[in-house]
Protein backbone atom coordinates (compact mmCIF):
# COMPACT_ATOMS: atom_id res chain seq x y z
CA UNK A 1 0.00 0.01 0.01
CA UNK A 2 1.13 3.53 -0.64
CA UNK A 3 2.79 5.70 2.01
CA UNK A 4 1.39 9.07 3.20
CA UNK A 5 3.42 11.69 5.05
CA UNK A 6 1.30 13.81 7.38
CA UNK A 7 2.75 17.04 8.69
CA UNK A 8 1.22 18.15 12.04
CA UNK A 9 0.04 16.52 15.26
CA UNK A 10 -3.01 18.70 15.82
CA UNK A 11 -6.74 17.86 15.37
CA UNK A 12 -6.53 17.81 11.61
CA UNK A 13 -3.30 15.98 11.28
CA UNK A 14 -4.16 13.24 13.77
CA UNK A 15 -7.65 12.74 12.23
CA UNK A 16 -6.05 12.39 8.76
CA UNK A 17 -3.63 9.76 10.08
CA UNK A 18 -6.51 7.82 11.78
CA UNK A 19 -8.60 7.70 8.61
CA UNK A 20 -5.75 6.82 6.33
CA UNK A 21 -4.85 3.90 8.59
CA UNK A 22 -8.56 2.77 8.46
CA UNK A 23 -8.07 2.71 4.62
CA UNK A 24 -4.92 0.63 4.98
CA UNK A 25 -2.25 3.21 4.14
CA UNK A 26 1.18 3.30 5.72
CA UNK A 27 1.37 6.69 7.57
CA UNK A 28 4.20 8.70 9.01
CA UNK A 29 3.11 11.63 11.11
CA UNK A 30 5.60 14.38 11.93
CA UNK A 31 4.97 16.61 14.90
CA UNK A 32 7.06 19.09 16.90
CA UNK A 33 5.04 18.32 19.99
CA UNK A 34 4.73 14.93 21.78
CA UNK A 35 1.10 15.43 22.42
CA UNK A 36 -2.20 16.34 20.76
CA UNK A 37 -3.52 19.51 22.58
CA UNK A 38 -7.25 19.76 22.89
CA UNK A 39 -7.59 23.58 22.58
CA UNK A 40 -11.49 23.63 22.96
CA UNK A 41 -11.21 22.37 26.47
CA UNK A 42 -8.16 24.37 27.49
CA UNK A 43 -10.43 27.27 28.48
CA UNK A 44 -10.91 25.68 31.88
CA UNK A 45 -7.17 25.44 32.74
CA UNK A 46 -6.93 29.05 33.91
CA UNK A 47 -9.77 28.38 36.48
CA UNK A 48 -8.42 25.03 37.82
CA UNK A 49 -11.35 23.01 36.43
CA UNK A 50 -8.93 20.81 34.53
CA UNK A 51 -5.13 20.50 34.61
CA UNK A 52 -2.79 21.16 31.80
CA UNK A 53 -2.24 17.38 31.36
CA UNK A 54 -6.02 16.88 31.09
CA UNK A 55 -6.00 18.77 27.86
CA UNK A 56 -3.28 16.56 26.30
CA UNK A 57 -3.30 13.21 24.63
CA UNK A 58 0.22 11.59 24.13
CA UNK A 59 0.80 11.17 20.39
CA UNK A 60 2.72 7.95 20.99
CA UNK A 61 -0.41 6.55 22.59
CA UNK A 62 -2.54 7.50 19.57
CA UNK A 63 0.17 6.08 17.19
CA UNK A 64 0.01 2.73 19.11
CA UNK A 65 -3.79 2.56 19.03
CA UNK A 66 -4.14 3.48 15.31
CA UNK A 67 -1.01 2.08 13.93
CA UNK A 68 0.74 5.10 12.41
CA UNK A 69 4.41 5.88 12.79
CA UNK A 70 5.21 8.93 14.91
CA UNK A 71 8.18 11.16 14.18
CA UNK A 72 8.97 13.98 16.53
CA UNK A 73 10.74 16.70 14.54
CA UNK A 74 10.16 20.36 13.47
CA UNK A 75 9.46 20.91 9.79
CA UNK A 76 11.54 23.71 8.39
CA UNK A 77 10.92 23.59 4.66
CA UNK A 78 8.59 21.99 2.07
CA UNK A 79 9.88 21.65 -1.50
CA UNK A 80 7.34 19.94 -3.72
CA UNK A 81 9.54 20.16 -6.90
CA UNK A 82 12.26 18.32 -5.22
CA UNK A 83 9.90 16.05 -3.24
CA UNK A 84 11.69 16.91 0.08
CA UNK A 85 10.27 17.86 3.40
CA UNK A 86 13.01 19.43 5.43
CA UNK A 87 13.17 18.90 9.21
CA UNK A 88 15.51 19.98 12.00
CA UNK A 89 16.66 16.40 12.51
CA UNK A 90 16.53 15.18 8.95
CA UNK A 91 14.91 15.42 5.54
CA UNK A 92 11.93 13.31 4.43
CA UNK A 93 11.56 11.99 0.93
CA UNK A 94 9.95 8.54 1.34
CA UNK A 95 6.26 9.14 0.63
CA UNK A 96 3.73 8.89 -2.12
CA UNK A 97 1.26 11.45 -0.77
CA UNK A 98 1.80 14.58 1.37
CA UNK A 99 -0.75 16.01 3.75
CA UNK A 100 0.10 19.47 5.31
CA UNK A 101 -1.66 20.13 8.61
CA UNK A 102 0.85 22.21 10.68
CA UNK A 103 -1.55 25.02 11.32
CA UNK A 104 -0.81 28.67 10.92
CA UNK A 105 0.99 31.27 12.96
CA UNK A 106 -0.45 33.99 15.08
CA UNK A 107 0.21 37.55 13.91
CA UNK A 108 2.40 39.60 16.20
CA UNK A 109 1.15 43.21 16.66
CA UNK A 110 3.42 45.61 18.53
CA UNK A 111 3.75 44.82 22.22
CA UNK A 112 2.09 41.33 21.93
CA UNK A 113 4.58 40.09 24.57
CA UNK A 114 2.59 42.04 27.12
CA UNK A 115 -0.41 39.70 26.51
CA UNK A 116 -1.21 36.00 26.96
CA UNK A 117 -3.37 33.91 24.58
CA UNK A 118 -5.65 30.90 25.23
CA UNK A 119 -4.96 29.89 21.58
CA UNK A 120 -1.24 30.23 21.50
CA UNK A 121 1.55 28.09 22.86
CA UNK A 122 -0.38 25.60 25.08
CA UNK A 123 1.75 26.51 28.20
CA UNK A 124 0.16 30.02 27.96
CA UNK A 125 -3.03 28.65 29.43
CA UNK A 126 -1.05 27.82 32.64
CA UNK A 127 0.41 31.32 32.63
CA UNK A 128 -3.02 32.76 32.39
CA UNK A 129 -3.95 30.73 35.40
CA UNK A 130 -1.00 32.14 37.31
CA UNK A 131 -1.93 35.67 36.39
CA UNK A 132 -5.54 35.29 37.36
CA UNK A 133 -4.58 33.78 40.77
CA UNK A 134 -2.15 36.66 41.30
CA UNK A 135 -5.02 39.18 40.70
CA UNK A 136 -7.50 37.20 42.88
CA UNK A 137 -5.00 37.21 45.72
CA UNK A 138 -4.71 41.01 45.28
CA UNK A 139 -8.52 41.15 45.50
CA UNK A 140 -9.26 43.61 42.71
CA UNK A 141 -8.18 44.65 39.22
CA UNK A 142 -8.90 45.52 35.60
CA UNK A 143 -8.83 42.73 33.11
CA UNK A 144 -9.23 42.96 29.28
CA UNK A 145 -10.10 40.17 26.83
CA UNK A 146 -9.92 40.55 23.04
CA UNK A 147 -9.08 39.06 19.61
CA UNK A 148 -7.85 40.38 16.32
CA UNK A 149 -8.65 39.88 12.63
CA UNK A 150 -6.48 39.34 9.55
CA UNK A 151 -7.66 41.70 6.76
CA UNK A 152 -5.75 39.67 4.23
CA UNK A 153 -7.73 36.50 5.09
CA UNK A 154 -10.82 37.08 7.33
CA UNK A 155 -11.12 33.35 8.02
CA UNK A 156 -7.96 33.58 10.22
CA UNK A 157 -9.77 34.62 13.34
CA UNK A 158 -10.35 32.88 16.73
CA UNK A 159 -13.10 34.76 18.59
CA UNK A 160 -15.12 32.13 20.46
CA UNK A 161 -12.40 31.20 23.01
CA UNK A 162 -11.87 34.78 24.04
CA UNK A 163 -15.63 35.00 24.86
CA UNK A 164 -15.49 31.70 26.71
CA UNK A 165 -12.46 32.61 28.92
CA UNK A 166 -13.96 36.00 29.65
CA UNK A 167 -17.40 34.50 30.68
CA UNK A 168 -15.65 31.86 32.81
CA UNK A 169 -13.55 34.50 34.45
CA UNK A 170 -16.76 36.42 35.30
CA UNK A 171 -18.26 33.26 36.85
CA UNK A 172 -15.02 32.37 38.61
CA UNK A 173 -15.02 35.85 40.35
CA UNK A 174 -18.69 35.48 41.19
CA UNK A 175 -18.13 32.21 42.93
CA UNK A 176 -15.32 33.89 44.97
CA UNK A 177 -17.45 36.91 45.78
CA UNK A 178 -15.19 39.28 44.02
CA UNK A 179 -17.07 40.16 40.87
CA UNK A 180 -17.76 43.67 41.96
CA UNK A 181 -14.06 44.21 42.64
CA UNK A 182 -13.05 43.70 39.09
CA UNK A 183 -13.64 45.64 35.87
CA UNK A 184 -13.91 43.36 32.81
CA UNK A 185 -13.56 44.86 29.34
CA UNK A 186 -13.87 43.13 25.90
CA UNK A 187 -12.14 44.77 22.89
CA UNK A 188 -11.65 44.04 19.28
CA UNK A 189 -10.57 46.18 16.18
CA UNK A 190 -13.61 45.26 14.09
CA UNK A 191 -16.84 47.10 14.45
CA UNK A 192 -19.02 44.05 14.99
CA UNK A 193 -16.83 41.20 16.43
CA UNK A 194 -18.74 37.91 16.43
CA UNK A 195 -20.79 39.01 13.47
CA UNK A 196 -19.84 35.86 11.57
CA UNK A 197 -21.89 33.90 13.96
CA UNK A 198 -25.08 35.59 12.63
CA UNK A 199 -27.32 38.45 13.71
CA UNK A 200 -29.28 36.63 16.41
CA UNK A 201 -26.15 35.38 18.28
CA UNK A 202 -24.64 38.87 18.00
CA UNK A 203 -27.70 40.44 19.62
CA UNK A 204 -27.75 37.84 22.36
CA UNK A 205 -24.10 38.56 23.14
CA UNK A 206 -24.85 42.25 23.58
CA UNK A 207 -27.53 41.24 26.06
CA UNK A 208 -25.12 38.98 27.91
CA UNK A 209 -22.44 41.80 28.05
CA UNK A 210 -24.95 44.24 29.66
CA UNK A 211 -26.23 41.57 32.04
CA UNK A 212 -22.82 40.58 33.23
CA UNK A 213 -21.64 44.19 33.46
CA UNK A 214 -18.77 43.62 30.88
CA UNK A 215 -17.67 46.81 29.10
CA UNK A 216 -17.01 46.80 25.35
CA UNK A 217 -14.60 48.70 23.11
CA UNK A 218 -14.94 47.79 19.37
CA UNK A 219 -14.08 49.35 16.08
CA UNK A 220 -10.78 50.76 17.19
CA UNK A 221 -7.61 49.54 15.59
CA UNK A 222 -4.94 48.50 18.15
CA UNK A 223 -1.85 50.58 18.08
CA UNK A 224 0.19 48.89 20.76
CA UNK A 225 -0.16 46.50 23.72
CA UNK A 226 1.62 47.98 26.81
CA UNK A 227 2.37 46.32 30.21
CA UNK A 228 -0.64 48.26 31.71
CA UNK A 229 -3.14 48.27 28.95
CA UNK A 230 -4.09 48.52 25.27
CA UNK A 231 -3.23 51.71 23.27
CA UNK A 232 -5.61 52.35 20.29
CA UNK A 233 -5.09 54.19 17.10
CA UNK A 234 -6.79 57.33 18.38
CA UNK A 235 -4.38 57.30 21.35
CA UNK A 236 -7.09 56.42 23.80
CA UNK A 237 -6.10 53.68 26.30
CA UNK A 238 -7.74 50.79 27.84
CA UNK A 239 -6.07 50.27 31.28
CA UNK A 240 -5.61 46.70 32.26
CA UNK A 241 -3.69 44.75 34.98
CA UNK A 242 -3.84 41.74 32.64
CA UNK A 243 -4.65 41.42 28.90
CA UNK A 244 -5.70 38.20 27.25
CA UNK A 245 -5.56 38.65 23.44
CA UNK A 246 -6.02 36.15 20.69
CA UNK A 247 -4.11 37.34 17.66
CA UNK A 248 -5.39 36.78 14.17
CA UNK A 249 -3.99 33.73 12.22
CA UNK A 250 -1.55 34.01 9.36
CA UNK A 251 0.25 31.53 7.15
CA UNK A 252 2.83 29.35 8.90
CA UNK A 253 6.42 30.73 8.45
CA UNK A 254 7.43 27.27 7.01
CA UNK A 255 5.34 28.12 4.02
CA UNK A 256 7.63 31.00 3.07
CA UNK A 257 10.43 28.39 2.93
CA UNK A 258 8.57 26.40 0.34
CA UNK A 259 7.55 26.35 -3.40
CA UNK A 260 3.84 26.04 -2.44
CA UNK A 261 1.25 28.41 -3.93
CA UNK A 262 0.02 30.88 -1.19
CA UNK A 263 -2.78 33.44 -0.93
CA UNK A 264 -2.33 36.93 0.25
CA UNK A 265 -2.71 35.85 3.90
CA UNK A 266 0.04 33.25 3.56
CA UNK A 267 -2.12 30.19 3.55
CA UNK A 268 -1.80 27.28 0.95
CA UNK A 269 -4.14 27.39 -1.98
CA UNK A 270 -6.31 24.39 -2.38
CA UNK A 271 -9.25 23.19 -4.53
CA UNK A 272 -12.52 21.90 -3.20
CA UNK A 273 -11.01 18.44 -2.63
CA UNK A 274 -8.29 19.93 -0.33
CA UNK A 275 -5.65 19.28 -3.07
CA UNK A 276 -2.87 21.85 -3.26
CA UNK A 277 -2.96 23.85 -6.46
CA UNK A 278 0.75 23.28 -7.20
CA UNK A 279 2.21 23.52 -10.73
CA UNK A 280 5.27 21.18 -10.83
CA UNK A 281 7.91 22.67 -13.02
CA UNK A 282 9.90 20.97 -15.76
CA UNK A 283 12.69 19.87 -13.38
CA UNK A 284 10.27 17.73 -11.30
CA UNK A 285 10.76 14.02 -12.06
CA UNK A 286 8.58 12.72 -9.27
CA UNK A 287 5.15 14.39 -9.18
CA UNK A 288 2.85 13.46 -6.38
CA UNK A 289 -0.42 14.65 -4.86
CA UNK A 290 -0.21 17.28 -2.04
CA UNK A 291 -3.06 18.23 0.24
CA UNK A 292 -3.47 21.03 2.85
CA UNK A 293 -6.14 21.08 5.52
CA UNK A 294 -7.32 23.18 8.51
CA UNK A 295 -5.40 26.33 9.52
CA UNK A 296 -2.69 25.58 6.91
CA UNK A 297 -5.09 26.04 3.97
CA UNK A 298 -6.71 28.90 2.24
CA UNK A 299 -10.30 27.75 2.74
CA UNK A 300 -12.96 28.96 0.27
CA UNK A 301 -16.68 29.63 0.98
CA UNK A 302 -18.95 32.23 2.33
CA UNK A 303 -17.69 35.53 3.81
CA UNK A 304 -18.51 34.36 7.44
CA UNK A 305 -16.30 31.15 7.05
CA UNK A 306 -13.85 30.60 9.84
CA UNK A 307 -11.05 28.12 10.60
CA UNK A 308 -12.33 25.82 13.38
CA UNK A 309 -11.17 22.47 14.70
CA UNK A 310 -14.26 20.59 13.45
CA UNK A 311 -13.67 21.84 9.91
CA UNK A 312 -10.08 20.67 10.10
CA UNK A 313 -11.43 17.22 10.92
CA UNK A 314 -13.98 17.36 8.09
CA UNK A 315 -11.13 18.25 5.72
CA UNK A 316 -9.07 15.41 7.11
CA UNK A 317 -11.75 12.84 6.37
CA UNK A 318 -12.27 14.36 2.90
CA UNK A 319 -8.56 14.09 2.22
CA UNK A 320 -8.18 10.57 3.40
CA UNK A 321 -11.09 9.54 1.22
CA UNK A 322 -9.73 11.28 -1.79
CA UNK A 323 -6.32 9.78 -1.41
CA UNK A 324 -7.92 6.32 -1.23
CA UNK A 325 -9.84 7.03 -4.45
CA UNK A 326 -6.76 8.27 -6.15
CA UNK A 327 -4.79 5.12 -5.20
CA UNK A 328 -7.64 3.08 -6.71
CA UNK A 329 -7.56 5.06 -9.93
CA UNK A 330 -11.15 6.28 -9.21
CA UNK A 331 -12.50 9.66 -10.29
CA UNK A 332 -14.79 9.75 -7.20
CA UNK A 333 -14.07 12.74 -4.87
CA UNK A 334 -15.54 14.35 -1.79
CA UNK A 335 -15.39 18.14 -1.23
CA UNK A 336 -15.27 20.15 1.97
CA UNK A 337 -16.95 23.48 0.99
CA UNK A 338 -20.55 22.34 1.46
CA UNK A 339 -19.57 21.24 5.05
CA UNK A 340 -18.44 24.69 6.01
CA UNK A 341 -20.32 25.99 9.03
CA UNK A 342 -19.62 27.61 12.36
CA UNK A 343 -20.46 25.51 15.36
CA UNK A 344 -19.60 26.15 18.96
CA UNK A 345 -20.82 25.15 22.29
CA UNK A 346 -19.91 28.36 23.99
CA UNK A 347 -19.17 27.70 27.60
CA UNK A 348 -19.75 30.36 30.33
CA UNK A 349 -18.63 28.32 33.33
CA UNK A 350 -22.21 28.15 34.72
CA UNK A 351 -23.98 27.12 31.53
CA UNK A 352 -23.47 27.67 27.75
CA UNK A 353 -25.14 28.31 24.42
CA UNK A 354 -25.07 26.37 21.17
CA UNK A 355 -24.04 28.62 18.24
CA UNK A 356 -24.55 27.24 14.70
CA UNK A 357 -24.46 28.89 11.37
CA UNK A 358 -24.57 27.13 7.98
CA UNK A 359 -25.33 28.16 4.36
CA UNK A 360 -29.08 27.88 5.20
CA UNK A 361 -29.72 28.79 8.89
CA UNK A 362 -28.48 30.29 12.12
CA UNK A 363 -29.14 28.93 15.56
CA UNK A 364 -28.45 30.36 18.99
CA UNK A 365 -29.73 28.16 21.77
CA UNK A 366 -29.04 29.18 25.34
CA UNK A 367 -28.29 26.06 27.60
CA UNK A 368 -28.33 27.25 31.18
CA UNK A 369 -26.34 24.89 33.49
CA UNK A 370 -26.52 21.91 31.09
CA UNK A 371 -24.42 23.70 28.44
CA UNK A 372 -21.36 23.62 30.65
CA UNK A 373 -21.74 19.91 31.35
CA UNK A 374 -22.41 19.12 27.73
CA UNK A 375 -19.01 20.63 26.81
CA UNK A 376 -17.37 18.79 29.57
CA UNK A 377 -18.92 15.58 28.21
CA UNK A 378 -17.61 16.45 24.73
CA UNK A 379 -14.16 16.77 26.15
CA UNK A 380 -14.40 13.26 27.68
CA UNK A 381 -15.93 11.82 24.51
CA UNK A 382 -13.18 13.35 22.35
CA UNK A 383 -10.26 11.95 24.33
CA UNK A 384 -11.79 8.44 24.81
CA UNK A 385 -13.06 8.05 21.24
CA UNK A 386 -9.70 9.13 19.80
CA UNK A 387 -8.00 6.57 21.97
CA UNK A 388 -10.40 3.82 20.70
CA UNK A 389 -11.95 3.27 24.24
CA UNK A 390 -15.40 4.11 23.13
CA UNK A 391 -17.09 4.07 19.68
CA UNK A 392 -17.03 7.21 17.65
CA UNK A 393 -20.32 8.97 16.80
CA UNK A 394 -20.53 9.39 13.05
CA UNK A 395 -19.58 13.03 12.13
CA UNK A 396 -18.01 13.81 15.45
């Protein structure tokens, strides 16, 4: 059977490896981390509801369960015309298909070192916890939560986790009897942050902000992050003892050290089948199919599209299927664009809300109390189903 090289040990890369193994392919998976980090449940690390280790699954364990070969290395270059993937430890040339799922790279606005992100380096979740504990010990403070956008590719945004950590922080302070001692402010440079969720969810978010006494500053571009707050383009300043900010997503730096086709935002161009739109030059003697999924790819679709973990997994399954059909010399293909939607079980710490938007409908369903436990249940399901301890629900 043919051999597939998968780059990336995140949600998309692991899902690709699992499905390729189901189809009988030999799979090498390269990751620069030894674990799969479950970002959707990391929102609880800052509040001590789960530990850092609870949000991790060892990749060696997943490799053993599903039968793929794990390689711990950092990819430094991808050269399709030479059929070479460069790594810090060695170069990789032994493969028939290549799947790129190494994610993107957060943009770095001026002063970003004065913030922490729940969607950045996983260890930042622990640092956020330490900062929150420091402020709680002090007994009062001003805390700002925000996220940015990428004008070159609007899909490179992570807004939901910022809302979730902020709402969880409100609930955390409320339990400790300190909510009235803290000022919480949400900020974002776009005029209507969260608009991609749809009009109804956006209106409900405004109601929640007022009910929870959370201030809001939107539509002001960020000039600089400072140790004591956020400076905007009009030189007004949001004072903050701690700022949590999720930068917009851009193309991974490795892509600049490649011969792959990129869009303006730095993401890899693909077609509806997740296949990279690469034109091999006349020097190429060994042409092979290349795929890119998840945050690595320039996804197409409606203006409200966003890069989310569940879409990366859809693209992973589409890619695995299409590789199988290619190997069987079949013209059958699956596409990912009709599966684009926004789906989020937004957790607030004491409940939650289901947010869903597709090509045909928008749903915002408040789930008091049960929403929190449904998301906790999803985390348990995700870990145990990935490890083969329980059956997987189709489509999840």
